[in-house]
Amino acid sequence: MNSGRNLANKTFVITGGSSGLGQAAVELLYEAGANVAILDRSDGKDLANTLGSRAFYHKVDVVEEESVSAALQAVVARFGALHGVVNCAGVASATKTLSNKGPHPLSIFDFVMKVNVYGSFNLARMGAEIMAKNQPDADGLRGVIINVASVAAFDGQKGQAAYAASKGALVSMALPMARDLAQTGVRVVTIAPGVCGTPLMQAMPENVTNALLKDVVAPRRFGKPSEFALCVLQIIENPYLNATCIRLDGGIRMSNL
């Protein structure tokens, strides 16, 4: 690939990097010349070994402070610095506020919020502290945080109260976090993907996927993980992207399914 900016000697951690959108980001950043750290609860050793010496896997639980701290310390020990955090780790839920089983269990709501919001913020805050030690570039910048939301933040469906709330939090977080980190030189951008062709999505029944795709403007298909990865790379390469959310969704505005 011909990257607009040389990412050699730059190091990025990608949570949820062993599969799906996270894996696509890992692979493209590696191809662009960066060091990549795959942080995941699932095993990413095979992926790291397949990519090569600039790839590194460390098991992490994003909601545990000690786990995240240990993982980031291992990354810095391996590569010497940190230049970006890409928060792809997350969970979904399909539970109505009220169903024939009763009200939405708080345990499910708490779990979704903790992984998606607390987990992303946990990596962001600790990563920012490390990136603050970098030498600034010509724009005074030292790093970037990319959080991953969803179009559910705007167009949540039935059963997505917890999920939509968690992703909406990541959208809302971009501006205040960017303002907090402005003097540090760390940018914050959120990506809100639409319906992407991950294994989980492609395993859904055809009637469900058809209902989802009918609201895509163009191209009327699933988004590709490679397109998500390209968006991550473009955010890293474009220093004027900051404090905002990018909808990567083919123009979808989801109706009430």
Protein backbone atom coordinates (compact mmCIF):
# COMPACT_ATOMS: atom_id res chain seq x y z
CA MET A 1 0.00 0.00 0.00
CA ASN A 2 1.03 3.62 -0.43
CA SER A 3 0.43 5.29 2.90
CA GLY A 4 0.46 9.07 2.95
CA ARG A 5 2.49 9.08 6.14
CA ASN A 6 5.26 6.67 7.10
CA LEU A 7 4.17 4.75 10.18
CA ALA A 8 7.54 3.11 10.73
CA ASN A 9 8.55 3.21 14.41
CA LYS A 10 5.00 4.13 15.40
CA THR A 11 3.19 1.82 17.80
CA PHE A 12 -0.55 1.26 18.07
CA VAL A 13 -2.57 -0.91 20.44
CA ILE A 14 -5.80 -2.39 19.15
CA THR A 15 -8.21 -3.88 21.66
CA GLY A 16 -10.38 -6.66 20.31
CA GLY A 17 -7.62 -7.02 17.73
CA SER A 18 -7.71 -10.78 17.29
CA SER A 19 -10.89 -10.86 15.16
CA GLY A 20 -13.42 -8.84 13.16
CA LEU A 21 -12.92 -5.11 12.73
CA GLY A 22 -10.04 -5.06 15.18
CA GLN A 23 -8.13 -7.69 13.24
CA ALA A 24 -8.63 -5.75 10.01
CA ALA A 25 -7.15 -2.66 11.66
CA VAL A 26 -4.22 -4.67 13.01
CA GLU A 27 -3.43 -6.07 9.58
CA LEU A 28 -3.62 -2.75 7.73
CA LEU A 29 -1.57 -0.82 10.29
CA TYR A 30 1.06 -3.54 10.16
CA GLU A 31 1.09 -3.31 6.37
CA ALA A 32 1.55 0.45 6.69
CA GLY A 33 4.77 -0.14 8.63
CA ALA A 34 3.57 0.29 12.21
CA ASN A 35 4.19 -1.81 15.27
CA VAL A 36 0.89 -3.33 16.36
CA ALA A 37 -0.11 -4.67 19.76
CA ILE A 38 -3.12 -6.99 19.78
CA LEU A 39 -4.86 -6.65 23.13
CA ASP A 40 -7.69 -9.13 23.54
CA ARG A 41 -9.20 -11.69 25.88
CA SER A 42 -9.19 -14.10 22.94
CA ASP A 43 -5.90 -15.59 21.82
CA GLY A 44 -4.13 -13.44 19.23
CA LYS A 45 -0.77 -15.23 19.24
CA ASP A 46 -1.33 -16.93 15.88
CA LEU A 47 -2.24 -13.62 14.24
CA ALA A 48 0.82 -11.92 15.71
CA ASN A 49 3.09 -14.75 14.60
CA THR A 50 1.59 -14.72 11.11
CA LEU A 51 2.19 -10.99 10.72
CA GLY A 52 5.77 -10.92 11.99
CA SER A 53 8.15 -9.28 14.42
CA ARG A 54 6.33 -5.93 14.57
CA ALA A 55 3.19 -7.62 15.92
CA PHE A 56 2.68 -8.47 19.57
CA TYR A 57 -0.15 -10.11 21.50
CA HIS A 58 -1.01 -9.55 25.14
CA LYS A 59 -4.08 -10.89 26.88
CA VAL A 60 -6.13 -8.16 28.51
CA ASP A 61 -9.42 -7.57 30.29
CA VAL A 62 -10.27 -3.98 29.38
CA VAL A 63 -12.36 -3.38 32.50
CA GLU A 64 -9.55 -4.36 34.87
CA GLU A 65 -7.14 -1.56 35.68
CA GLU A 66 -4.22 -3.85 36.53
CA SER A 67 -4.72 -5.92 33.38
CA VAL A 68 -4.68 -2.84 31.14
CA SER A 69 -1.72 -1.32 32.96
CA ALA A 70 0.29 -4.54 32.60
CA ALA A 71 -0.56 -4.83 28.90
CA LEU A 72 0.46 -1.25 28.12
CA GLN A 73 3.68 -1.62 30.09
CA ALA A 74 4.46 -4.74 28.07
CA VAL A 75 3.83 -2.87 24.83
CA VAL A 76 6.17 -0.04 25.79
CA ALA A 77 8.79 -2.53 26.94
CA ARG A 78 8.57 -4.27 23.57
CA PHE A 79 8.41 -1.27 21.23
CA GLY A 80 9.64 1.67 23.32
CA ALA A 81 6.64 3.98 22.94
CA LEU A 82 2.93 4.25 22.21
CA HIS A 83 1.39 6.47 19.52
CA GLY A 84 -2.23 5.37 19.30
CA VAL A 85 -5.05 3.43 20.92
CA VAL A 86 -7.82 1.85 18.85
CA ASN A 87 -10.67 0.61 21.05
CA CYS A 88 -12.43 -2.16 19.13
CA ALA A 89 -13.22 -4.39 22.11
CA GLY A 90 -16.92 -4.43 22.87
CA VAL A 91 -20.01 -6.50 23.50
CA ALA A 92 -23.57 -6.37 22.21
CA SER A 93 -26.91 -7.19 23.78
CA ALA A 94 -30.46 -7.93 22.67
CA THR A 95 -32.69 -7.35 25.67
CA LYS A 96 -35.86 -5.28 25.73
CA THR A 97 -36.52 -2.74 28.45
CA LEU A 98 -39.58 -4.80 29.32
CA SER A 99 -40.43 -8.25 27.98
CA ASN A 100 -42.57 -11.21 28.99
CA LYS A 101 -39.65 -12.22 31.20
CA GLY A 102 -39.88 -8.96 33.13
CA PRO A 103 -37.80 -5.77 33.16
CA HIS A 104 -34.35 -5.57 31.59
CA PRO A 105 -31.87 -7.17 34.04
CA LEU A 106 -29.53 -4.56 35.46
CA SER A 107 -26.70 -7.09 35.35
CA ILE A 108 -26.85 -7.12 31.54
CA PHE A 109 -27.03 -3.34 31.33
CA ASP A 110 -24.08 -3.02 33.72
CA PHE A 111 -22.00 -5.54 31.77
CA VAL A 112 -22.54 -3.83 28.40
CA MET A 113 -21.83 -0.39 29.80
CA LYS A 114 -18.76 -1.55 31.66
CA VAL A 115 -17.10 -3.27 28.71
CA ASN A 116 -18.03 -0.74 26.03
CA VAL A 117 -17.75 2.53 27.96
CA TYR A 118 -15.60 1.88 31.00
CA GLY A 119 -13.28 -0.43 29.04
CA SER A 120 -12.72 2.08 26.24
CA PHE A 121 -12.18 4.92 28.70
CA ASN A 122 -9.80 2.76 30.72
CA LEU A 123 -7.52 2.23 27.71
CA ALA A 124 -7.90 5.82 26.59
CA ARG A 125 -6.90 7.40 29.89
CA MET A 126 -3.92 5.10 30.46
CA GLY A 127 -2.82 5.32 26.86
CA ALA A 128 -2.99 9.12 26.97
CA GLU A 129 -0.65 9.18 29.96
CA ILE A 130 1.94 7.18 28.03
CA MET A 131 1.52 9.15 24.79
CA ALA A 132 1.97 12.42 26.69
CA LYS A 133 5.64 11.46 27.07
CA ASN A 134 6.23 11.37 23.30
CA GLN A 135 8.11 14.10 21.50
CA PRO A 136 5.55 16.33 19.75
CA ASP A 137 5.43 16.52 15.97
CA ALA A 138 5.34 19.76 13.95
CA ASP A 139 1.70 20.28 14.99
CA GLY A 140 2.41 19.65 18.65
CA LEU A 141 0.70 16.27 18.48
CA ARG A 142 1.80 13.15 20.33
CA GLY A 143 -0.82 10.52 19.61
CA VAL A 144 -4.39 9.57 18.84
CA ILE A 145 -7.25 7.70 20.48
CA ILE A 146 -9.86 6.06 18.25
CA ASN A 147 -13.02 4.79 19.92
CA VAL A 148 -15.48 2.55 18.11
CA ALA A 149 -19.18 3.29 18.51
CA SER A 150 -21.99 2.16 16.20
CA VAL A 151 -24.87 3.62 14.21
CA ALA A 152 -26.94 2.17 17.07
CA ALA A 153 -25.85 5.29 18.96
CA PHE A 154 -28.20 7.22 16.65
CA ASP A 155 -30.62 4.60 15.28
CA GLY A 156 -30.89 2.00 18.03
CA GLN A 157 -33.27 -0.89 17.49
CA LYS A 158 -35.58 -2.79 19.81
CA GLY A 159 -33.56 -4.62 22.42
CA GLN A 160 -30.59 -2.25 22.06
CA ALA A 161 -31.18 0.13 24.95
CA ALA A 162 -27.99 -0.91 26.73
CA TYR A 163 -25.91 -1.24 23.57
CA ALA A 164 -27.12 2.05 22.08
CA ALA A 165 -26.53 3.85 25.37
CA SER A 166 -22.98 2.53 25.55
CA LYS A 167 -22.18 3.50 21.97
CA GLY A 168 -23.83 6.89 22.40
CA ALA A 169 -21.52 7.49 25.33
CA LEU A 170 -18.50 6.93 23.07
CA VAL A 171 -19.88 9.43 20.56
CA SER A 172 -20.45 12.02 23.30
CA MET A 173 -17.04 11.37 24.83
CA ALA A 174 -15.02 12.48 21.79
CA LEU A 175 -15.33 16.24 22.22
CA PRO A 176 -14.75 16.58 25.98
CA MET A 177 -11.93 14.04 25.91
CA ALA A 178 -10.28 15.86 23.00
CA ARG A 179 -10.58 19.11 24.91
CA ASP A 180 -9.09 17.47 27.99
CA LEU A 181 -6.12 16.20 25.97
CA ALA A 182 -5.55 19.20 23.71
CA GLN A 183 -2.59 20.50 25.71
CA THR A 184 -1.19 16.97 25.77
CA GLY A 185 -1.32 16.73 21.99
CA VAL A 186 -3.53 13.63 21.84
CA ARG A 187 -6.45 13.62 19.40
CA VAL A 188 -9.71 11.73 19.95
CA VAL A 189 -11.95 10.49 17.15
CA THR A 190 -14.89 8.08 17.24
CA ILE A 191 -15.95 5.81 14.37
CA ALA A 192 -19.58 4.68 14.18
CA PRO A 193 -19.71 1.70 11.80
CA GLY A 194 -22.94 0.60 10.19
CA VAL A 195 -23.77 -2.99 9.29
CA CYS A 196 -20.40 -4.60 8.68
CA GLY A 197 -19.66 -8.03 7.26
CA THR A 198 -18.19 -9.55 10.38
CA PRO A 199 -18.67 -13.28 11.00
CA LEU A 200 -21.32 -12.49 13.64
CA MET A 201 -23.35 -10.36 11.25
CA GLN A 202 -23.05 -12.79 8.36
CA ALA A 203 -24.29 -15.62 10.58
CA MET A 204 -27.65 -13.90 11.06
CA PRO A 205 -30.73 -15.22 9.22
CA GLU A 206 -31.18 -13.89 5.68
CA ASN A 207 -34.45 -12.11 6.53
CA VAL A 208 -32.66 -10.16 9.26
CA THR A 209 -29.73 -9.14 7.07
CA ASN A 210 -32.08 -8.16 4.23
CA ALA A 211 -34.06 -5.95 6.61
CA LEU A 212 -30.84 -4.26 7.72
CA LEU A 213 -29.46 -3.74 4.24
CA LYS A 214 -32.63 -2.17 2.84
CA ASP A 215 -31.82 1.07 4.67
CA VAL A 216 -28.28 1.35 3.29
CA VAL A 217 -28.14 4.14 0.69
CA ALA A 218 -25.11 3.05 -1.35
CA PRO A 219 -23.36 0.78 -1.85
CA ARG A 220 -26.18 -1.47 -0.65
CA ARG A 221 -24.13 -4.17 0.99
CA PHE A 222 -22.35 -4.93 4.23
CA GLY A 223 -19.44 -2.71 5.08
CA LYS A 224 -16.11 -4.46 4.74
CA PRO A 225 -13.74 -4.81 7.69
CA SER A 226 -11.05 -3.52 5.31
CA GLU A 227 -13.06 -0.28 4.91
CA PHE A 228 -13.16 0.14 8.68
CA ALA A 229 -9.40 -0.42 8.81
CA LEU A 230 -8.89 2.18 6.09
CA CYS A 231 -10.89 4.69 8.14
CA VAL A 232 -8.65 3.98 11.15
CA LEU A 233 -5.56 4.55 9.02
CA GLN A 234 -6.94 7.77 7.56
CA ILE A 235 -7.71 9.13 11.04
CA ILE A 236 -4.15 8.36 12.11
CA GLU A 237 -2.71 10.00 9.00
CA ASN A 238 -4.90 13.12 9.01
CA PRO A 239 -3.93 15.35 11.97
CA TYR A 240 -6.88 17.70 11.47
CA LEU A 241 -9.43 15.04 12.35
CA ASN A 242 -10.24 15.54 16.01
CA ALA A 243 -13.10 15.69 18.53
CA THR A 244 -15.68 14.19 16.20
CA CYS A 245 -17.55 11.05 15.18
CA ILE A 246 -17.34 9.60 11.68
CA ARG A 247 -20.30 7.50 10.52
CA LEU A 248 -18.92 4.71 8.33
CA ASP A 249 -22.23 3.31 7.19
CA GLY A 250 -23.05 3.66 3.49
CA GLY A 251 -25.56 6.36 4.40
CA ILE A 252 -27.76 4.04 6.46
CA ARG A 253 -30.46 5.57 8.65
CA MET A 254 -32.06 2.59 10.28
CA SER A 255 -35.83 2.36 10.42
CA ASN A 256 -37.75 0.63 13.19
CA LEU A 257 -37.17 -3.04 12.50
